[in-house]
Amino acid sequence: MTDYIQVLTTVATKAAAQAVADALLHEKLAACVQILGPIESRYWWQGNLETAEEWQCVAKSHLQLYNRLEAAIRRVHGYEVPEIIAWRIETGNPAYLDWLRQELAV
């Protein structure tokens, strides 16, 4: 298992996704952020079943940077309760993982 992570968040617009990506990249908290969308999200919110068009950001980072990365997302995120979840990268292309290490502020 590596100490590299992927962090997922969803936002309301493509511009918001680009703002999240730019914040993480400029602070060297992510080496890469993929923006996917639009996607349809269906979820419960305050007792109501909601449907929304959203955009996903998937950031490649390091476990040591998670707290700073989460704080950076919260600063630019527009939701009251933003989805910010992380999972460890079990293994991967050694050259890619080396590139991640070189690009992050670890």
PDB file of N, CA and C in Angstrom:
ATOM      1  N   MET A   1       0.846  -1.181   0.000  1.00  0.00           N
ATOM      2  CA  MET A   1       0.000   0.000   0.000  1.00  0.00           C
ATOM      3  C   MET A   1       0.887   1.238   0.000  1.00  0.00           C
ATOM      4  N   THR A   2       0.459   2.244  -0.754  1.00  0.00           N
ATOM      5  CA  THR A   2       1.214   3.492  -0.808  1.00  0.00           C
ATOM      6  C   THR A   2       0.586   4.520   0.130  1.00  0.00           C
ATOM      7  N   ASP A   3       1.222   5.659   0.274  1.00  0.00           N
ATOM      8  CA  ASP A   3       0.655   6.773   1.022  1.00  0.00           C
ATOM      9  C   ASP A   3       0.017   7.796   0.091  1.00  0.00           C
ATOM     10  N   TYR A   4      -0.152   7.428  -1.169  1.00  0.00           N
ATOM     11  CA  TYR A   4      -0.818   8.309  -2.113  1.00  0.00           C
ATOM     12  C   TYR A   4      -2.320   8.080  -2.038  1.00  0.00           C
ATOM     13  N   ILE A   5      -3.082   9.146  -2.299  1.00  0.00           N
ATOM     14  CA  ILE A   5      -4.532   9.083  -2.186  1.00  0.00           C
ATOM     15  C   ILE A   5      -5.188   9.729  -3.400  1.00  0.00           C
ATOM     16  N   GLN A   6      -6.454   9.379  -3.589  1.00  0.00           N
ATOM     17  CA  GLN A   6      -7.327  10.104  -4.496  1.00  0.00           C
ATOM     18  C   GLN A   6      -8.407  10.729  -3.628  1.00  0.00           C
ATOM     19  N   VAL A   7      -8.729  11.968  -3.908  1.00  0.00           N
ATOM     20  CA  VAL A   7      -9.740  12.683  -3.138  1.00  0.00           C
ATOM     21  C   VAL A   7     -10.833  13.126  -4.097  1.00  0.00           C
ATOM     22  N   LEU A   8     -12.069  12.840  -3.725  1.00  0.00           N
ATOM     23  CA  LEU A   8     -13.223  13.149  -4.559  1.00  0.00           C
ATOM     24  C   LEU A   8     -14.057  14.237  -3.915  1.00  0.00           C
ATOM     25  N   THR A   9     -14.490  15.189  -4.724  1.00  0.00           N
ATOM     26  CA  THR A   9     -15.488  16.156  -4.301  1.00  0.00           C
ATOM     27  C   THR A   9     -16.400  16.438  -5.476  1.00  0.00           C
ATOM     28  N   THR A  10     -17.621  16.859  -5.187  1.00  0.00           N
ATOM     29  CA  THR A  10     -18.559  17.255  -6.235  1.00  0.00           C
ATOM     30  C   THR A  10     -18.978  18.695  -5.990  1.00  0.00           C
ATOM     31  N   VAL A  11     -19.175  19.419  -7.081  1.00  0.00           N
ATOM     32  CA  VAL A  11     -19.560  20.835  -7.024  1.00  0.00           C
ATOM     33  C   VAL A  11     -20.681  21.087  -8.016  1.00  0.00           C
ATOM     34  N   ALA A  12     -21.269  22.275  -7.946  1.00  0.00           N
ATOM     35  CA  ALA A  12     -22.467  22.578  -8.732  1.00  0.00           C
ATOM     36  C   ALA A  12     -22.197  22.933 -10.190  1.00  0.00           C
ATOM     37  N   THR A  13     -21.020  23.477 -10.494  1.00  0.00           N
ATOM     38  CA  THR A  13     -20.773  23.954 -11.850  1.00  0.00           C
ATOM     39  C   THR A  13     -19.362  23.594 -12.308  1.00  0.00           C
ATOM     40  N   LYS A  14     -19.163  23.662 -13.622  1.00  0.00           N
ATOM     41  CA  LYS A  14     -17.832  23.432 -14.170  1.00  0.00           C
ATOM     42  C   LYS A  14     -16.857  24.493 -13.662  1.00  0.00           C
ATOM     43  N   ALA A  15     -17.303  25.732 -13.574  1.00  0.00           N
ATOM     44  CA  ALA A  15     -16.441  26.805 -13.063  1.00  0.00           C
ATOM     45  C   ALA A  15     -16.012  26.534 -11.626  1.00  0.00           C
ATOM     46  N   ALA A  16     -16.928  26.009 -10.815  1.00  0.00           N
ATOM     47  CA  ALA A  16     -16.575  25.667  -9.432  1.00  0.00           C
ATOM     48  C   ALA A  16     -15.563  24.528  -9.409  1.00  0.00           C
ATOM     49  N   ALA A  17     -15.715  23.552 -10.303  1.00  0.00           N
ATOM     50  CA  ALA A  17     -14.748  22.454 -10.384  1.00  0.00           C
ATOM     51  C   ALA A  17     -13.378  22.980 -10.790  1.00  0.00           C
ATOM     52  N   GLN A  18     -13.350  23.895 -11.735  1.00  0.00           N
ATOM     53  CA  GLN A  18     -12.080  24.484 -12.155  1.00  0.00           C
ATOM     54  C   GLN A  18     -11.447  25.282 -11.016  1.00  0.00           C
ATOM     55  N   ALA A  19     -12.252  25.957 -10.210  1.00  0.00           N
ATOM     56  CA  ALA A  19     -11.726  26.709  -9.062  1.00  0.00           C
ATOM     57  C   ALA A  19     -11.112  25.766  -8.030  1.00  0.00           C
ATOM     58  N   VAL A  20     -11.764  24.638  -7.768  1.00  0.00           N
ATOM     59  CA  VAL A  20     -11.212  23.642  -6.851  1.00  0.00           C
ATOM     60  C   VAL A  20      -9.889  23.129  -7.395  1.00  0.00           C
ATOM     61  N   ALA A  21      -9.875  22.739  -8.662  1.00  0.00           N
ATOM     62  CA  ALA A  21      -8.653  22.212  -9.273  1.00  0.00           C
ATOM     63  C   ALA A  21      -7.525  23.224  -9.206  1.00  0.00           C
ATOM     64  N   ASP A  22      -7.810  24.461  -9.577  1.00  0.00           N
ATOM     65  CA  ASP A  22      -6.768  25.495  -9.566  1.00  0.00           C
ATOM     66  C   ASP A  22      -6.208  25.718  -8.166  1.00  0.00           C
ATOM     67  N   ALA A  23      -7.082  25.757  -7.155  1.00  0.00           N
ATOM     68  CA  ALA A  23      -6.617  25.961  -5.780  1.00  0.00           C
ATOM     69  C   ALA A  23      -5.687  24.829  -5.349  1.00  0.00           C
ATOM     70  N   LEU A  24      -6.070  23.587  -5.632  1.00  0.00           N
ATOM     71  CA  LEU A  24      -5.257  22.446  -5.213  1.00  0.00           C
ATOM     72  C   LEU A  24      -3.932  22.387  -5.967  1.00  0.00           C
ATOM     73  N   LEU A  25      -3.972  22.685  -7.241  1.00  0.00           N
ATOM     74  CA  LEU A  25      -2.740  22.633  -8.042  1.00  0.00           C
ATOM     75  C   LEU A  25      -1.786  23.764  -7.687  1.00  0.00           C
ATOM     76  N   HIS A  26      -2.309  24.979  -7.526  1.00  0.00           N
ATOM     77  CA  HIS A  26      -1.433  26.115  -7.203  1.00  0.00           C
ATOM     78  C   HIS A  26      -0.762  25.965  -5.841  1.00  0.00           C
ATOM     79  N   GLU A  27      -1.450  25.305  -4.903  1.00  0.00           N
ATOM     80  CA  GLU A  27      -0.877  25.086  -3.570  1.00  0.00           C
ATOM     81  C   GLU A  27      -0.050  23.805  -3.494  1.00  0.00           C
ATOM     82  N   LYS A  28       0.089  23.102  -4.638  1.00  0.00           N
ATOM     83  CA  LYS A  28       0.840  21.837  -4.712  1.00  0.00           C
ATOM     84  C   LYS A  28       0.269  20.779  -3.770  1.00  0.00           C
ATOM     85  N   LEU A  29      -1.048  20.833  -3.560  1.00  0.00           N
ATOM     86  CA  LEU A  29      -1.736  19.843  -2.732  1.00  0.00           C
ATOM     87  C   LEU A  29      -2.220  18.673  -3.568  1.00  0.00           C
ATOM     88  N   ALA A  30      -2.230  18.850  -4.874  1.00  0.00           N
ATOM     89  CA  ALA A  30      -2.575  17.789  -5.817  1.00  0.00           C
ATOM     90  C   ALA A  30      -1.631  17.907  -7.007  1.00  0.00           C
ATOM     91  N   ALA A  31      -1.245  16.754  -7.533  1.00  0.00           N
ATOM     92  CA  ALA A  31      -0.399  16.741  -8.727  1.00  0.00           C
ATOM     93  C   ALA A  31      -1.258  16.760  -9.982  1.00  0.00           C
ATOM     94  N   CYS A  32      -2.496  16.304  -9.844  1.00  0.00           N
ATOM     95  CA  CYS A  32      -3.419  16.203 -10.973  1.00  0.00           C
ATOM     96  C   CYS A  32      -4.832  16.264 -10.411  1.00  0.00           C
ATOM     97  N   VAL A  33      -5.711  16.971 -11.101  1.00  0.00           N
ATOM     98  CA  VAL A  33      -7.129  16.961 -10.747  1.00  0.00           C
ATOM     99  C   VAL A  33      -7.911  16.706 -12.032  1.00  0.00           C
ATOM    100  N   GLN A  34      -8.656  15.624 -12.032  1.00  0.00           N
ATOM    101  CA  GLN A  34      -9.518  15.317 -13.172  1.00  0.00           C
ATOM    102  C   GLN A  34     -10.910  15.875 -12.890  1.00  0.00           C
ATOM    103  N   ILE A  35     -11.475  16.536 -13.891  1.00  0.00           N
ATOM    104  CA  ILE A  35     -12.812  17.106 -13.787  1.00  0.00           C
ATOM    105  C   ILE A  35     -13.726  16.294 -14.695  1.00  0.00           C
ATOM    106  N   LEU A  36     -14.780  15.748 -14.093  1.00  0.00           N
ATOM    107  CA  LEU A  36     -15.723  14.900 -14.816  1.00  0.00           C
ATOM    108  C   LEU A  36     -17.121  15.484 -14.724  1.00  0.00           C
ATOM    109  N   GLY A  37     -17.822  15.471 -15.824  1.00  0.00           N
ATOM    110  CA  GLY A  37     -19.203  15.922 -15.743  1.00  0.00           C
ATOM    111  C   GLY A  37     -19.702  16.473 -17.057  1.00  0.00           C
ATOM    112  N   PRO A  38     -20.924  16.877 -17.030  1.00  0.00           N
ATOM    113  CA  PRO A  38     -21.783  16.861 -15.856  1.00  0.00           C
ATOM    114  C   PRO A  38     -22.255  15.449 -15.523  1.00  0.00           C
ATOM    115  N   ILE A  39     -22.566  15.266 -14.247  1.00  0.00           N
ATOM    116  CA  ILE A  39     -23.133  14.013 -13.758  1.00  0.00           C
ATOM    117  C   ILE A  39     -24.464  14.335 -13.092  1.00  0.00           C
ATOM    118  N   GLU A  40     -25.320  13.342 -12.967  1.00  0.00           N
ATOM    119  CA  GLU A  40     -26.563  13.520 -12.234  1.00  0.00           C
ATOM    120  C   GLU A  40     -26.404  12.899 -10.865  1.00  0.00           C
ATOM    121  N   SER A  41     -26.673  13.679  -9.843  1.00  0.00           N
ATOM    122  CA  SER A  41     -26.635  13.183  -8.461  1.00  0.00           C
ATOM    123  C   SER A  41     -28.048  13.173  -7.903  1.00  0.00           C
ATOM    124  N   ARG A  42     -28.377  12.095  -7.220  1.00  0.00           N
ATOM    125  CA  ARG A  42     -29.667  11.973  -6.532  1.00  0.00           C
ATOM    126  C   ARG A  42     -29.338  11.666  -5.072  1.00  0.00           C
ATOM    127  N   TYR A  43     -29.939  12.419  -4.167  1.00  0.00           N
ATOM    128  CA  TYR A  43     -29.550  12.310  -2.761  1.00  0.00           C
ATOM    129  C   TYR A  43     -30.637  12.882  -1.860  1.00  0.00           C
ATOM    130  N   TRP A  44     -30.554  12.493  -0.595  1.00  0.00           N
ATOM    131  CA  TRP A  44     -31.436  13.070   0.418  1.00  0.00           C
ATOM    132  C   TRP A  44     -30.785  14.325   0.981  1.00  0.00           C
ATOM    133  N   TRP A  45     -31.559  15.400   1.097  1.00  0.00           N
ATOM    134  CA  TRP A  45     -31.076  16.626   1.721  1.00  0.00           C
ATOM    135  C   TRP A  45     -32.233  17.260   2.486  1.00  0.00           C
ATOM    136  N   GLN A  46     -32.046  17.388   3.771  1.00  0.00           N
ATOM    137  CA  GLN A  46     -33.019  17.997   4.674  1.00  0.00           C
ATOM    138  C   GLN A  46     -34.420  17.409   4.488  1.00  0.00           C
ATOM    139  N   GLY A  47     -34.469  16.064   4.402  1.00  0.00           N
ATOM    140  CA  GLY A  47     -35.733  15.352   4.328  1.00  0.00           C
ATOM    141  C   GLY A  47     -36.346  15.243   2.944  1.00  0.00           C
ATOM    142  N   ASN A  48     -35.689  15.806   1.937  1.00  0.00           N
ATOM    143  CA  ASN A  48     -36.216  15.776   0.577  1.00  0.00           C
ATOM    144  C   ASN A  48     -35.288  15.010  -0.348  1.00  0.00           C
ATOM    145  N   LEU A  49     -35.890  14.266  -1.270  1.00  0.00           N
ATOM    146  CA  LEU A  49     -35.114  13.591  -2.302  1.00  0.00           C
ATOM    147  C   LEU A  49     -34.805  14.612  -3.390  1.00  0.00           C
ATOM    148  N   GLU A  50     -33.528  14.862  -3.616  1.00  0.00           N
ATOM    149  CA  GLU A  50     -33.077  15.901  -4.550  1.00  0.00           C
ATOM    150  C   GLU A  50     -32.401  15.281  -5.764  1.00  0.00           C
ATOM    151  N   THR A  51     -32.405  16.016  -6.855  1.00  0.00           N
ATOM    152  CA  THR A  51     -31.665  15.677  -8.061  1.00  0.00           C
ATOM    153  C   THR A  51     -30.916  16.933  -8.481  1.00  0.00           C
ATOM    154  N   ALA A  52     -29.638  16.771  -8.813  1.00  0.00           N
ATOM    155  CA  ALA A  52     -28.843  17.924  -9.224  1.00  0.00           C
ATOM    156  C   ALA A  52     -27.839  17.519 -10.286  1.00  0.00           C
ATOM    157  N   GLU A  53     -27.548  18.462 -11.167  1.00  0.00           N
ATOM    158  CA  GLU A  53     -26.431  18.287 -12.087  1.00  0.00           C
ATOM    159  C   GLU A  53     -25.190  18.797 -11.373  1.00  0.00           C
ATOM    160  N   GLU A  54     -24.148  17.974 -11.349  1.00  0.00           N
ATOM    161  CA  GLU A  54     -22.926  18.337 -10.642  1.00  0.00           C
ATOM    162  C   GLU A  54     -21.705  17.973 -11.483  1.00  0.00           C
ATOM    163  N   TRP A  55     -20.572  18.391 -10.998  1.00  0.00           N
ATOM    164  CA  TRP A  55     -19.271  18.087 -11.590  1.00  0.00           C
ATOM    165  C   TRP A  55     -18.407  17.464 -10.515  1.00  0.00           C
ATOM    166  N   GLN A  56     -17.632  16.435 -10.876  1.00  0.00           N
ATOM    167  CA  GLN A  56     -16.733  15.774  -9.922  1.00  0.00           C
ATOM    168  C   GLN A  56     -15.304  16.210 -10.161  1.00  0.00           C
ATOM    169  N   CYS A  57     -14.575  16.342  -9.065  1.00  0.00           N
ATOM    170  CA  CYS A  57     -13.129  16.553  -9.102  1.00  0.00           C
ATOM    171  C   CYS A  57     -12.482  15.360  -8.411  1.00  0.00           C
ATOM    172  N   VAL A  58     -11.504  14.757  -9.071  1.00  0.00           N
ATOM    173  CA  VAL A  58     -10.743  13.661  -8.491  1.00  0.00           C
ATOM    174  C   VAL A  58      -9.287  14.108  -8.449  1.00  0.00           C
ATOM    175  N   ALA A  59      -8.787  14.335  -7.250  1.00  0.00           N
ATOM    176  CA  ALA A  59      -7.433  14.860  -7.059  1.00  0.00           C
ATOM    177  C   ALA A  59      -6.484  13.752  -6.633  1.00  0.00           C
ATOM    178  N   LYS A  60      -5.286  13.746  -7.213  1.00  0.00           N
ATOM    179  CA  LYS A  60      -4.232  12.799  -6.831  1.00  0.00           C
ATOM    180  C   LYS A  60      -3.306  13.523  -5.870  1.00  0.00           C
ATOM    181  N   SER A  61      -3.115  12.940  -4.678  1.00  0.00           N
ATOM    182  CA  SER A  61      -2.344  13.624  -3.646  1.00  0.00           C
ATOM    183  C   SER A  61      -1.625  12.616  -2.758  1.00  0.00           C
ATOM    184  N   HIS A  62      -1.226  13.080  -1.578  1.00  0.00           N
ATOM    185  CA  HIS A  62      -0.500  12.272  -0.601  1.00  0.00           C
ATOM    186  C   HIS A  62      -1.225  12.371   0.729  1.00  0.00           C
ATOM    187  N   LEU A  63      -1.242  11.282   1.472  1.00  0.00           N
ATOM    188  CA  LEU A  63      -1.938  11.229   2.750  1.00  0.00           C
ATOM    189  C   LEU A  63      -1.513  12.359   3.691  1.00  0.00           C
ATOM    190  N   GLN A  64      -0.243  12.712   3.700  1.00  0.00           N
ATOM    191  CA  GLN A  64       0.246  13.790   4.577  1.00  0.00           C
ATOM    192  C   GLN A  64      -0.379  15.146   4.241  1.00  0.00           C
ATOM    193  N   LEU A  65      -0.886  15.304   3.032  1.00  0.00           N
ATOM    194  CA  LEU A  65      -1.454  16.577   2.602  1.00  0.00           C
ATOM    195  C   LEU A  65      -2.968  16.648   2.770  1.00  0.00           C
ATOM    196  N   TYR A  66      -3.585  15.561   3.230  1.00  0.00           N
ATOM    197  CA  TYR A  66      -5.046  15.518   3.235  1.00  0.00           C
ATOM    198  C   TYR A  66      -5.683  16.674   4.011  1.00  0.00           C
ATOM    199  N   ASN A  67      -5.255  16.958   5.210  1.00  0.00           N
ATOM    200  CA  ASN A  67      -5.897  18.014   6.007  1.00  0.00           C
ATOM    201  C   ASN A  67      -5.820  19.367   5.309  1.00  0.00           C
ATOM    202  N   ARG A  68      -4.674  19.688   4.743  1.00  0.00           N
ATOM    203  CA  ARG A  68      -4.526  20.954   4.011  1.00  0.00           C
ATOM    204  C   ARG A  68      -5.374  20.949   2.738  1.00  0.00           C
ATOM    205  N   LEU A  69      -5.433  19.802   2.061  1.00  0.00           N
ATOM    206  CA  LEU A  69      -6.232  19.673   0.848  1.00  0.00           C
ATOM    207  C   LEU A  69      -7.713  19.858   1.169  1.00  0.00           C
ATOM    208  N   GLU A  70      -8.177  19.210   2.211  1.00  0.00           N
ATOM    209  CA  GLU A  70      -9.583  19.370   2.609  1.00  0.00           C
ATOM    210  C   GLU A  70      -9.891  20.829   2.938  1.00  0.00           C
ATOM    211  N   ALA A  71      -9.006  21.484   3.671  1.00  0.00           N
ATOM    212  CA  ALA A  71      -9.219  22.894   4.012  1.00  0.00           C
ATOM    213  C   ALA A  71      -9.271  23.762   2.759  1.00  0.00           C
ATOM    214  N   ALA A  72      -8.421  23.478   1.787  1.00  0.00           N
ATOM    215  CA  ALA A  72      -8.414  24.250   0.537  1.00  0.00           C
ATOM    216  C   ALA A  72      -9.718  24.048  -0.227  1.00  0.00           C
ATOM    217  N   ILE A  73     -10.219  22.825  -0.266  1.00  0.00           N
ATOM    218  CA  ILE A  73     -11.505  22.577  -0.929  1.00  0.00           C
ATOM    219  C   ILE A  73     -12.607  23.346  -0.216  1.00  0.00           C
ATOM    220  N   ARG A  74     -12.631  23.282   1.102  1.00  0.00           N
ATOM    221  CA  ARG A  74     -13.680  23.984   1.870  1.00  0.00           C
ATOM    222  C   ARG A  74     -13.658  25.495   1.610  1.00  0.00           C
ATOM    223  N   ARG A  75     -12.471  26.064   1.423  1.00  0.00           N
ATOM    224  CA  ARG A  75     -12.363  27.508   1.177  1.00  0.00           C
ATOM    225  C   ARG A  75     -13.055  27.929  -0.115  1.00  0.00           C
ATOM    226  N   VAL A  76     -13.016  27.083  -1.137  1.00  0.00           N
ATOM    227  CA  VAL A  76     -13.578  27.483  -2.434  1.00  0.00           C
ATOM    228  C   VAL A  76     -14.903  26.793  -2.754  1.00  0.00           C
ATOM    229  N   HIS A  77     -15.311  25.844  -1.925  1.00  0.00           N
ATOM    230  CA  HIS A  77     -16.516  25.057  -2.186  1.00  0.00           C
ATOM    231  C   HIS A  77     -17.754  25.838  -1.771  1.00  0.00           C
ATOM    232  N   GLY A  78     -18.823  25.726  -2.525  1.00  0.00           N
ATOM    233  CA  GLY A  78     -20.033  26.471  -2.237  1.00  0.00           C
ATOM    234  C   GLY A  78     -21.087  25.732  -1.432  1.00  0.00           C
ATOM    235  N   TYR A  79     -20.894  24.444  -1.142  1.00  0.00           N
ATOM    236  CA  TYR A  79     -21.928  23.678  -0.447  1.00  0.00           C
ATOM    237  C   TYR A  79     -21.803  23.812   1.065  1.00  0.00           C
ATOM    238  N   GLU A  80     -22.945  23.723   1.744  1.00  0.00           N
ATOM    239  CA  GLU A  80     -22.969  23.732   3.207  1.00  0.00           C
ATOM    240  C   GLU A  80     -22.241  22.510   3.761  1.00  0.00           C
ATOM    241  N   VAL A  81     -22.462  21.346   3.159  1.00  0.00           N
ATOM    242  CA  VAL A  81     -21.824  20.101   3.583  1.00  0.00           C
ATOM    243  C   VAL A  81     -21.194  19.470   2.336  1.00  0.00           C
ATOM    244  N   PRO A  82     -19.989  19.874   1.979  1.00  0.00           N
ATOM    245  CA  PRO A  82     -19.378  19.325   0.765  1.00  0.00           C
ATOM    246  C   PRO A  82     -18.951  17.870   0.930  1.00  0.00           C
ATOM    247  N   GLU A  83     -19.130  17.120  -0.138  1.00  0.00           N
ATOM    248  CA  GLU A  83     -18.589  15.764  -0.184  1.00  0.00           C
ATOM    249  C   GLU A  83     -17.081  15.895  -0.387  1.00  0.00           C
ATOM    250  N   ILE A  84     -16.321  15.394   0.554  1.00  0.00           N
ATOM    251  CA  ILE A  84     -14.868  15.321   0.430  1.00  0.00           C
ATOM    252  C   ILE A  84     -14.471  13.969   1.004  1.00  0.00           C
ATOM    253  N   ILE A  85     -14.154  13.035   0.118  1.00  0.00           N
ATOM    254  CA  ILE A  85     -13.780  11.698   0.574  1.00  0.00           C
ATOM    255  C   ILE A  85     -12.462  11.303  -0.075  1.00  0.00           C
ATOM    256  N   ALA A  86     -11.706  10.480   0.639  1.00  0.00           N
ATOM    257  CA  ALA A  86     -10.399  10.054   0.142  1.00  0.00           C
ATOM    258  C   ALA A  86     -10.256   8.554   0.263  1.00  0.00           C
ATOM    259  N   TRP A  87      -9.514   7.996  -0.650  1.00  0.00           N
ATOM    260  CA  TRP A  87      -9.153   6.589  -0.551  1.00  0.00           C
ATOM    261  C   TRP A  87      -7.706   6.432  -0.968  1.00  0.00           C
ATOM    262  N   ARG A  88      -7.051   5.443  -0.361  1.00  0.00           N
ATOM    263  CA  ARG A  88      -5.637   5.189  -0.630  1.00  0.00           C
ATOM    264  C   ARG A  88      -5.463   4.492  -1.967  1.00  0.00           C
ATOM    265  N   ILE A  89      -4.375   4.845  -2.618  1.00  0.00           N
ATOM    266  CA  ILE A  89      -3.967   4.147  -3.832  1.00  0.00           C
ATOM    267  C   ILE A  89      -3.156   2.948  -3.383  1.00  0.00           C
ATOM    268  N   GLU A  90      -3.665   1.762  -3.616  1.00  0.00           N
ATOM    269  CA  GLU A  90      -3.007   0.528  -3.168  1.00  0.00           C
ATOM    270  C   GLU A  90      -1.638   0.363  -3.821  1.00  0.00           C
ATOM    271  N   THR A  91      -1.616   0.487  -5.123  1.00  0.00           N
ATOM    272  CA  THR A  91      -0.381   0.314  -5.875  1.00  0.00           C
ATOM    273  C   THR A  91      -0.557   1.029  -7.206  1.00  0.00           C
ATOM    274  N   GLY A  92       0.519   1.163  -7.938  1.00  0.00           N
ATOM    275  CA  GLY A  92       0.406   1.832  -9.229  1.00  0.00           C
ATOM    276  C   GLY A  92       1.713   1.805  -9.987  1.00  0.00           C
ATOM    277  N   ASN A  93       1.673   2.357 -11.170  1.00  0.00           N
ATOM    278  CA  ASN A  93       2.852   2.479 -12.012  1.00  0.00           C
ATOM    279  C   ASN A  93       3.936   3.229 -11.230  1.00  0.00           C
ATOM    280  N   PRO A  94       5.075   2.609 -10.958  1.00  0.00           N
ATOM    281  CA  PRO A  94       6.119   3.266 -10.165  1.00  0.00           C
ATOM    282  C   PRO A  94       6.534   4.625 -10.739  1.00  0.00           C
ATOM    283  N   ALA A  95       6.595   4.741 -12.041  1.00  0.00           N
ATOM    284  CA  ALA A  95       6.982   6.021 -12.648  1.00  0.00           C
ATOM    285  C   ALA A  95       5.924   7.094 -12.370  1.00  0.00           C
ATOM    286  N   TYR A  96       4.639   6.712 -12.408  1.00  0.00           N
ATOM    287  CA  TYR A  96       3.561   7.657 -12.111  1.00  0.00           C
ATOM    288  C   TYR A  96       3.607   8.084 -10.649  1.00  0.00           C
ATOM    289  N   LEU A  97       3.793   7.127  -9.747  1.00  0.00           N
ATOM    290  CA  LEU A  97       3.872   7.452  -8.327  1.00  0.00           C
ATOM    291  C   LEU A  97       5.075   8.340  -8.034  1.00  0.00           C
ATOM    292  N   ASP A  98       6.180   8.121  -8.733  1.00  0.00           N
ATOM    293  CA  ASP A  98       7.350   8.983  -8.581  1.00  0.00           C
ATOM    294  C   ASP A  98       7.035  10.394  -9.058  1.00  0.00           C
ATOM    295  N   TRP A  99       6.309  10.493 -10.169  1.00  0.00           N
ATOM    296  CA  TRP A  99       5.901  11.808 -10.670  1.00  0.00           C
ATOM    297  C   TRP A  99       5.029  12.522  -9.641  1.00  0.00           C
ATOM    298  N   LEU A 100       4.075  11.794  -9.025  1.00  0.00           N
ATOM    299  CA  LEU A 100       3.254  12.399  -7.972  1.00  0.00           C
ATOM    300  C   LEU A 100       4.134  12.983  -6.873  1.00  0.00           C
ATOM    301  N   ARG A 101       5.086  12.188  -6.401  1.00  0.00           N
ATOM    302  CA  ARG A 101       5.978  12.633  -5.329  1.00  0.00           C
ATOM    303  C   ARG A 101       6.685  13.926  -5.708  1.00  0.00           C
ATOM    304  N   GLN A 102       7.160  14.018  -6.933  1.00  0.00           N
ATOM    305  CA  GLN A 102       7.897  15.186  -7.382  1.00  0.00           C
ATOM    306  C   GLN A 102       7.032  16.435  -7.459  1.00  0.00           C
ATOM    307  N   GLU A 103       5.749  16.260  -7.728  1.00  0.00           N
ATOM    308  CA  GLU A 103       4.858  17.405  -7.943  1.00  0.00           C
ATOM    309  C   GLU A 103       4.147  17.903  -6.694  1.00  0.00           C
ATOM    310  N   LEU A 104       4.199  17.142  -5.610  1.00  0.00           N
ATOM    311  CA  LEU A 104       3.466  17.511  -4.404  1.00  0.00           C
ATOM    312  C   LEU A 104       4.346  18.206  -3.372  1.00  0.00           C
ATOM    313  N   ALA A 105       3.694  18.981  -2.517  1.00  0.00           N
ATOM    314  CA  ALA A 105       4.390  19.720  -1.459  1.00  0.00           C
ATOM    315  C   ALA A 105       4.542  18.853  -0.213  1.00  0.00           C
ATOM    316  N   VAL A 106       5.087  17.646  -0.382  1.00  0.00           N
ATOM    317  CA  VAL A 106       5.266  16.719   0.761  1.00  0.00           C
ATOM    318  C   VAL A 106       6.669  16.912   1.327  1.00  0.00           C
TER     319      VAL A 106
END
